[in-house]
Amino acid sequence: MNLHILPFSFFVFVCLITACQQTSTNPPPPSADALQDSINPFNNFPLLIAPIDFNKQMLLSLKTKPPIEANFAQKYLTIKDPKLPIYAIGRINMADTALALVYGEISTPNKTNIKLTLLDKQNRATVTYIIAQQQNEQLTTATLNRQLEITTNRQYKQTLNQKSTTTDSTIYQTFVLGEPIYTIPIDTINIGNLNNDKTPDYAYIIPPIIRVPYNENPNFFICDPEPCQLQIKFSAQNITPLQHLDAFAAKIQTIGDLNNDGIQEIALVQGKDWNSWHDIFIYTYQTQNNPSWKLLDSIRTFNLEEKLINHTQKINNKEFKLVGETFNDKTGLFNKKYKYIRF
């Protein structure tokens, strides 16, 4: 009797031991949160819908956002050693790329960044750039429109006569998410009161994108796209940009309201070095039908270390005289030459 029971009891004992071993080696089932993160690792990034304003308030509220773990930063944001606190802000669904992740980074108490990383369809980071930043007295903010174009601008906080003021300083080229990003220097010029509204105006000279196709010849470059086109934007909201062809740099000055229409005319000189022969281009702003800048005429002159207003002489509200120079080979002197320009 006992001989028949023993094998069965031994069999039950062995089964219990085997079951315990299997239970001890198998991992516990994943939690609901872990399972959801494995399906969608970007749960902490709420969906952002354009238009979006990446402003100072967003910089100040970074600590209220979900923190980003180090392994996530290493895997998806290509941050090798995330020593700084990082916070999730949101994600932007893209057509060409998989998505864009927007996150904040606190470097020091006086410096915070908002960065945007583009991910491809395999969730690999392709490019990262700063779209907003607070650094001491300098504030950089950005806007994203419905066409996924980003325009960034800087503001400096200045102290004048014990009063703190914020002034526009620089804007950057507007670019589309997913396209190549170029670092372009922007010349900012205080041009005075352009449109007679008693507010100082700024001109932002935005050069074209330049490529150097041959490393052995850095002086040879091409514009992308061709032809080279200089764009000048204005801080005055009601003034459309000025497009000047075949140029990659320029200086401009207002030369007075020559036709008494409430907007000053502009003189433009191509290039940065004025100690040579140059053409002075005169632009006027047309407010009727399609508001835009119209090129009136140009004149050749030399060594423009002076105010460009000296090259125009107003005759009446419909006509002015444009002053240039020629060189007399016989005398070795510069002679004045004139053009009469009508509006």
Protein backbone atom coordinates (compact mmCIF):
# COMPACT_ATOMS: atom_id res chain seq x y z
CA MET A 1 0.00 0.00 0.00
CA ASN A 2 2.70 2.44 0.96
CA LEU A 3 4.77 1.34 -2.00
CA HIS A 4 2.00 2.45 -4.37
CA ILE A 5 1.49 5.81 -2.62
CA LEU A 6 5.16 6.77 -2.49
CA PRO A 7 5.75 7.24 -6.22
CA PHE A 8 2.64 9.39 -6.53
CA SER A 9 3.64 11.57 -3.57
CA PHE A 10 7.13 11.87 -4.95
CA PHE A 11 5.69 12.93 -8.29
CA VAL A 12 3.56 15.65 -6.63
CA PHE A 13 6.61 16.86 -4.68
CA VAL A 14 8.69 17.10 -7.83
CA CYS A 15 5.93 19.07 -9.60
CA LEU A 16 5.71 21.53 -6.73
CA ILE A 17 9.47 22.06 -6.77
CA THR A 18 9.43 22.61 -10.54
CA ALA A 19 6.56 25.09 -10.31
CA CYS A 20 8.35 27.04 -7.61
CA GLN A 21 11.51 27.19 -9.69
CA GLN A 22 9.58 28.46 -12.73
CA THR A 23 7.82 31.07 -10.61
CA SER A 24 11.09 32.32 -9.14
CA THR A 25 12.82 32.69 -12.53
CA ASN A 26 9.99 34.34 -14.51
CA PRO A 27 9.77 38.18 -14.19
CA PRO A 28 6.63 39.69 -12.76
CA PRO A 29 4.07 40.91 -15.32
CA PRO A 30 4.66 44.52 -16.44
CA SER A 31 2.66 47.29 -14.85
CA ALA A 32 0.04 49.15 -16.86
CA ASP A 33 2.28 52.25 -17.04
CA ALA A 34 5.31 50.26 -18.19
CA LEU A 35 3.22 48.49 -20.80
CA GLN A 36 1.83 51.78 -22.10
CA ASP A 37 5.34 53.33 -22.21
CA SER A 38 6.60 50.41 -24.27
CA ILE A 39 3.78 51.03 -26.76
CA ASN A 40 4.22 54.81 -26.81
CA PRO A 41 7.39 56.10 -25.07
CA PHE A 42 6.32 59.73 -25.58
CA ASN A 43 3.35 59.76 -23.19
CA ASN A 44 4.87 62.56 -21.11
CA PHE A 45 4.89 64.83 -24.17
CA PRO A 46 1.37 66.19 -24.77
CA LEU A 47 0.40 66.96 -28.35
CA LEU A 48 1.10 70.57 -29.38
CA ILE A 49 -0.99 72.15 -32.14
CA ALA A 50 0.33 75.11 -34.16
CA PRO A 51 0.36 78.06 -33.87
CA ILE A 52 2.60 77.86 -30.79
CA ASP A 53 4.35 80.64 -28.91
CA PHE A 54 7.55 79.57 -27.19
CA ASN A 55 7.66 82.52 -24.80
CA LYS A 56 9.09 83.61 -21.47
CA GLN A 57 6.17 82.12 -19.51
CA MET A 58 6.97 78.69 -20.95
CA LEU A 59 10.58 79.10 -19.82
CA LEU A 60 9.48 80.02 -16.30
CA SER A 61 7.14 77.02 -15.99
CA LEU A 62 9.66 74.29 -16.87
CA LYS A 63 9.78 72.85 -13.33
CA THR A 64 6.04 72.13 -13.49
CA LYS A 65 6.53 69.81 -16.50
CA PRO A 66 7.19 66.03 -16.24
CA PRO A 67 10.90 65.28 -15.71
CA ILE A 68 12.73 63.29 -18.38
CA GLU A 69 14.69 60.23 -17.24
CA ALA A 70 18.33 59.78 -18.22
CA ASN A 71 17.79 56.63 -20.28
CA PHE A 72 15.07 58.36 -22.31
CA ALA A 73 17.32 61.39 -22.93
CA GLN A 74 20.15 59.13 -24.07
CA LYS A 75 17.96 57.03 -26.37
CA TYR A 76 15.72 59.63 -28.03
CA LEU A 77 17.37 63.03 -27.48
CA THR A 78 21.01 61.97 -28.06
CA ILE A 79 22.05 63.49 -24.72
CA LYS A 80 24.96 61.27 -23.71
CA ASP A 81 25.29 62.38 -20.11
CA PRO A 82 22.18 64.29 -18.99
CA LYS A 83 23.51 65.98 -15.87
CA LEU A 84 21.08 68.90 -16.10
CA PRO A 85 17.38 68.69 -15.17
CA ILE A 86 15.29 68.11 -18.32
CA TYR A 87 11.52 68.50 -18.59
CA ALA A 88 9.02 67.34 -21.21
CA ILE A 89 6.96 70.12 -22.85
CA GLY A 90 5.20 68.49 -25.80
CA ARG A 91 5.38 66.82 -29.19
CA ILE A 92 4.52 68.05 -32.67
CA ASN A 93 3.33 65.54 -35.24
CA MET A 94 5.11 65.96 -38.55
CA ALA A 95 4.30 64.84 -42.07
CA ASP A 96 7.78 64.05 -43.36
CA THR A 97 9.44 63.14 -40.07
CA ALA A 98 7.85 61.10 -37.31
CA LEU A 99 7.56 63.92 -34.79
CA ALA A 100 9.34 66.75 -32.99
CA LEU A 101 9.93 66.61 -29.24
CA VAL A 102 10.01 69.89 -27.32
CA TYR A 103 11.68 69.90 -23.93
CA GLY A 104 13.19 72.30 -21.41
CA GLU A 105 16.63 72.35 -19.85
CA ILE A 106 17.71 74.29 -16.77
CA SER A 107 21.45 74.96 -16.99
CA THR A 108 21.86 77.45 -14.15
CA PRO A 109 19.46 79.64 -12.16
CA ASN A 110 20.06 82.37 -14.75
CA LYS A 111 19.92 80.21 -17.87
CA THR A 112 17.08 78.07 -19.19
CA ASN A 113 16.59 76.59 -22.65
CA ILE A 114 13.72 75.21 -24.66
CA LYS A 115 14.98 72.80 -27.30
CA LEU A 116 13.33 70.98 -30.15
CA THR A 117 14.58 67.64 -31.47
CA LEU A 118 13.39 66.23 -34.80
CA LEU A 119 12.94 62.46 -34.88
CA ASP A 120 12.71 60.36 -38.04
CA LYS A 121 10.22 57.55 -38.57
CA GLN A 122 12.52 55.15 -36.71
CA ASN A 123 12.49 57.51 -33.70
CA ARG A 124 16.11 58.50 -34.27
CA ALA A 125 17.10 62.06 -33.46
CA THR A 126 18.20 63.96 -36.58
CA VAL A 127 18.78 67.52 -35.37
CA THR A 128 18.33 69.60 -32.21
CA TYR A 129 18.27 73.36 -31.84
CA ILE A 130 17.35 76.02 -29.29
CA ILE A 131 14.03 77.78 -29.89
CA ALA A 132 13.80 79.77 -26.65
CA GLN A 133 16.33 80.84 -24.05
CA GLN A 134 16.63 83.06 -21.01
CA GLN A 135 20.24 83.95 -20.29
CA ASN A 136 20.88 86.80 -17.89
CA GLU A 137 19.55 89.93 -19.62
CA GLN A 138 18.96 88.27 -22.99
CA LEU A 139 15.66 86.61 -23.93
CA THR A 140 15.16 84.51 -27.07
CA THR A 141 11.63 83.45 -27.97
CA ALA A 142 10.02 81.87 -31.03
CA THR A 143 6.71 81.33 -32.79
CA LEU A 144 5.59 78.32 -34.84
CA ASN A 145 2.86 78.92 -37.43
CA ARG A 146 0.46 76.46 -39.02
CA GLN A 147 2.87 75.88 -41.92
CA LEU A 148 5.43 74.66 -39.34
CA GLU A 149 7.64 77.69 -39.94
CA ILE A 150 9.61 78.92 -36.93
CA THR A 151 10.66 82.54 -36.48
CA THR A 152 12.87 83.39 -33.51
CA ASN A 153 13.77 86.77 -32.08
CA ARG A 154 15.97 88.19 -29.34
CA GLN A 155 15.34 90.91 -26.82
CA TYR A 156 17.84 92.62 -24.56
CA LYS A 157 16.93 94.16 -21.23
CA GLN A 158 18.73 97.47 -20.90
CA THR A 159 18.96 99.92 -18.03
CA LEU A 160 18.72 103.53 -19.11
CA ASN A 161 18.54 106.32 -16.52
CA GLN A 162 17.59 103.78 -13.82
CA LYS A 163 14.72 102.53 -16.00
CA SER A 164 14.67 99.00 -17.38
CA THR A 165 13.63 98.73 -21.02
CA THR A 166 13.35 95.81 -23.42
CA THR A 167 14.30 96.41 -27.02
CA ASP A 168 14.20 94.28 -30.15
CA SER A 169 17.69 93.33 -31.15
CA THR A 170 17.88 90.51 -33.67
CA ILE A 171 15.62 88.19 -35.59
CA TYR A 172 16.66 85.03 -37.36
CA GLN A 173 15.67 83.53 -40.66
CA THR A 174 12.29 81.84 -40.71
CA PHE A 175 12.77 78.16 -41.51
CA VAL A 176 10.49 75.15 -41.90
CA LEU A 177 10.76 72.23 -39.50
CA GLY A 178 12.34 69.28 -41.24
CA GLU A 179 14.43 71.37 -43.63
CA PRO A 180 18.17 72.00 -43.19
CA ILE A 181 18.96 74.64 -40.58
CA TYR A 182 21.58 77.26 -41.27
CA THR A 183 23.19 79.71 -38.88
CA ILE A 184 22.85 83.11 -40.54
CA PRO A 185 24.19 86.35 -39.05
CA ILE A 186 21.61 89.09 -39.00
CA ASP A 187 22.62 92.76 -39.13
CA THR A 188 20.31 94.91 -37.01
CA ILE A 189 20.18 98.60 -37.84
CA ASN A 190 18.40 101.35 -35.96
CA ILE A 191 16.90 103.39 -38.80
CA GLY A 192 15.01 105.91 -36.69
CA ASN A 193 11.36 106.64 -37.28
CA LEU A 194 10.53 104.95 -40.56
CA ASN A 195 6.75 105.39 -40.69
CA ASN A 196 6.19 108.60 -38.72
CA ASP A 197 4.62 106.88 -35.68
CA LYS A 198 7.07 108.38 -33.14
CA THR A 199 8.49 104.89 -32.41
CA PRO A 200 12.11 103.96 -33.24
CA ASP A 201 12.28 101.35 -36.00
CA TYR A 202 14.82 98.63 -36.72
CA ALA A 203 15.81 97.01 -40.00
CA TYR A 204 16.93 93.37 -39.96
CA ILE A 205 19.18 92.50 -42.91
CA ILE A 206 18.85 88.78 -43.58
CA PRO A 207 21.42 87.42 -46.04
CA PRO A 208 20.72 84.48 -48.35
CA ILE A 209 21.82 80.97 -47.50
CA ILE A 210 25.33 80.50 -48.91
CA ARG A 211 27.01 77.23 -49.84
CA VAL A 212 30.72 76.73 -50.46
CA PRO A 213 30.82 73.74 -52.84
CA TYR A 214 34.62 73.50 -53.02
CA ASN A 215 36.59 73.36 -49.78
CA GLU A 216 39.79 74.21 -51.62
CA ASN A 217 38.24 77.50 -52.81
CA PRO A 218 36.31 79.08 -49.90
CA ASN A 219 36.00 82.38 -51.77
CA PHE A 220 33.71 80.76 -54.33
CA PHE A 221 30.16 80.37 -53.09
CA ILE A 222 26.65 79.98 -54.43
CA CYS A 223 23.34 81.06 -52.97
CA ASP A 224 20.66 78.53 -52.12
CA PRO A 225 18.40 79.17 -53.90
CA GLU A 226 19.83 81.17 -56.79
CA PRO A 227 19.85 84.04 -57.52
CA CYS A 228 21.21 85.64 -54.35
CA GLN A 229 18.51 87.70 -52.69
CA LEU A 230 18.86 89.91 -49.66
CA GLN A 231 15.81 90.23 -47.42
CA ILE A 232 15.28 93.23 -45.16
CA LYS A 233 12.56 93.02 -42.53
CA PHE A 234 11.35 95.90 -40.41
CA SER A 235 10.15 96.12 -36.82
CA ALA A 236 7.24 98.30 -37.99
CA GLN A 237 4.43 95.76 -38.38
CA ASN A 238 2.71 97.54 -41.28
CA ILE A 239 5.83 97.62 -43.49
CA THR A 240 6.42 94.63 -45.75
CA PRO A 241 9.98 93.26 -46.24
CA LEU A 242 12.28 94.65 -48.92
CA GLN A 243 13.78 92.12 -51.34
CA HIS A 244 17.06 93.15 -53.01
CA LEU A 245 18.47 90.84 -55.70
CA ASP A 246 22.08 89.87 -56.41
CA ALA A 247 23.39 90.76 -52.96
CA PHE A 248 24.52 88.87 -49.86
CA ALA A 249 25.23 91.89 -47.62
CA ALA A 250 24.21 95.54 -47.48
CA LYS A 251 23.97 98.72 -45.45
CA ILE A 252 20.89 100.90 -45.47
CA GLN A 253 19.86 104.31 -44.19
CA THR A 254 16.65 106.30 -44.22
CA ILE A 255 17.05 109.48 -46.27
CA GLY A 256 13.92 111.39 -45.32
CA ASP A 257 10.35 111.43 -46.57
CA LEU A 258 11.06 112.83 -50.02
CA ASN A 259 7.48 112.59 -51.32
CA ASN A 260 5.64 113.42 -48.07
CA ASP A 261 3.67 110.15 -47.97
CA GLY A 262 4.43 109.44 -44.29
CA ILE A 263 7.14 106.82 -44.92
CA GLN A 264 10.80 107.64 -45.37
CA GLU A 265 12.68 106.61 -48.48
CA ILE A 266 15.64 104.23 -48.10
CA ALA A 267 19.12 104.23 -49.60
CA LEU A 268 20.83 100.84 -49.89
CA VAL A 269 24.46 100.01 -50.67
CA GLN A 270 25.54 96.42 -51.35
CA GLY A 271 28.37 94.86 -49.37
CA LYS A 272 30.01 95.73 -46.06
CA ASP A 273 33.11 97.59 -47.27
CA TRP A 274 32.20 101.08 -48.46
CA ASN A 275 35.74 102.24 -49.27
CA SER A 276 35.41 101.56 -52.99
CA TRP A 277 33.05 102.15 -55.89
CA HIS A 278 29.44 101.32 -55.10
CA ASP A 279 25.95 101.82 -56.45
CA ILE A 280 23.45 103.58 -54.21
CA PHE A 281 19.95 102.14 -54.68
CA ILE A 282 16.96 104.31 -53.73
CA TYR A 283 13.72 102.63 -52.62
CA THR A 284 10.31 104.15 -51.95
CA TYR A 285 7.35 102.46 -50.27
CA GLN A 286 4.12 102.12 -52.23
CA THR A 287 1.04 101.96 -50.03
CA GLN A 288 -1.65 101.62 -52.71
CA ASN A 289 -2.96 98.31 -54.06
CA ASN A 290 -0.17 95.88 -53.08
CA PRO A 291 2.04 97.61 -50.46
CA SER A 292 5.68 97.00 -51.32
CA TRP A 293 9.07 98.62 -51.83
CA LYS A 294 9.79 100.02 -55.31
CA LEU A 295 13.29 100.58 -56.66
CA LEU A 296 13.43 104.11 -58.10
CA ASP A 297 16.97 104.27 -59.45
CA SER A 298 20.65 103.95 -58.56
CA ILE A 299 23.86 105.94 -59.04
CA ARG A 300 27.58 105.16 -58.83
CA THR A 301 29.78 106.82 -56.21
CA PHE A 302 33.02 106.26 -54.26
CA ASN A 303 34.05 105.94 -50.60
CA LEU A 304 30.75 106.18 -48.76
CA GLU A 305 32.10 107.13 -45.33
CA GLU A 306 29.29 109.63 -44.94
CA LYS A 307 25.53 109.86 -44.56
CA LEU A 308 23.67 108.56 -47.58
CA ILE A 309 21.20 111.40 -47.21
CA ASN A 310 23.94 113.61 -48.63
CA HIS A 311 23.41 111.89 -51.98
CA THR A 312 19.82 113.09 -52.36
CA GLN A 313 18.55 116.62 -52.85
CA LYS A 314 14.80 117.14 -52.66
CA ILE A 315 13.30 119.37 -55.34
CA ASN A 316 9.58 118.95 -54.57
CA ASN A 317 7.17 116.19 -53.49
CA LYS A 318 7.39 114.56 -56.92
CA GLU A 319 11.06 114.91 -57.79
CA PHE A 320 14.51 114.78 -56.22
CA LYS A 321 18.12 114.82 -57.41
CA LEU A 322 20.40 111.82 -56.92
CA VAL A 323 24.07 112.71 -56.48
CA GLY A 324 26.96 110.43 -57.46
CA GLU A 325 30.58 110.68 -58.56
CA THR A 326 32.82 109.96 -61.53
CA PHE A 327 36.60 109.92 -61.71
CA ASN A 328 38.44 112.28 -64.07
CA ASP A 329 41.52 110.48 -65.39
CA LYS A 330 43.06 113.72 -66.65
CA THR A 331 42.82 115.72 -63.46
CA GLY A 332 42.89 112.82 -61.00
CA LEU A 333 39.84 114.31 -59.24
CA PHE A 334 36.32 113.14 -58.52
CA ASN A 335 33.52 115.00 -60.29
CA LYS A 336 29.87 115.15 -59.22
CA LYS A 337 27.21 113.64 -61.44
CA TYR A 338 23.44 113.91 -61.06
CA LYS A 339 20.22 112.07 -61.89
CA TYR A 340 16.76 113.61 -61.64
CA ILE A 341 14.30 111.07 -60.24
CA ARG A 342 10.50 111.38 -60.34
CA PHE A 343 8.09 109.40 -58.15
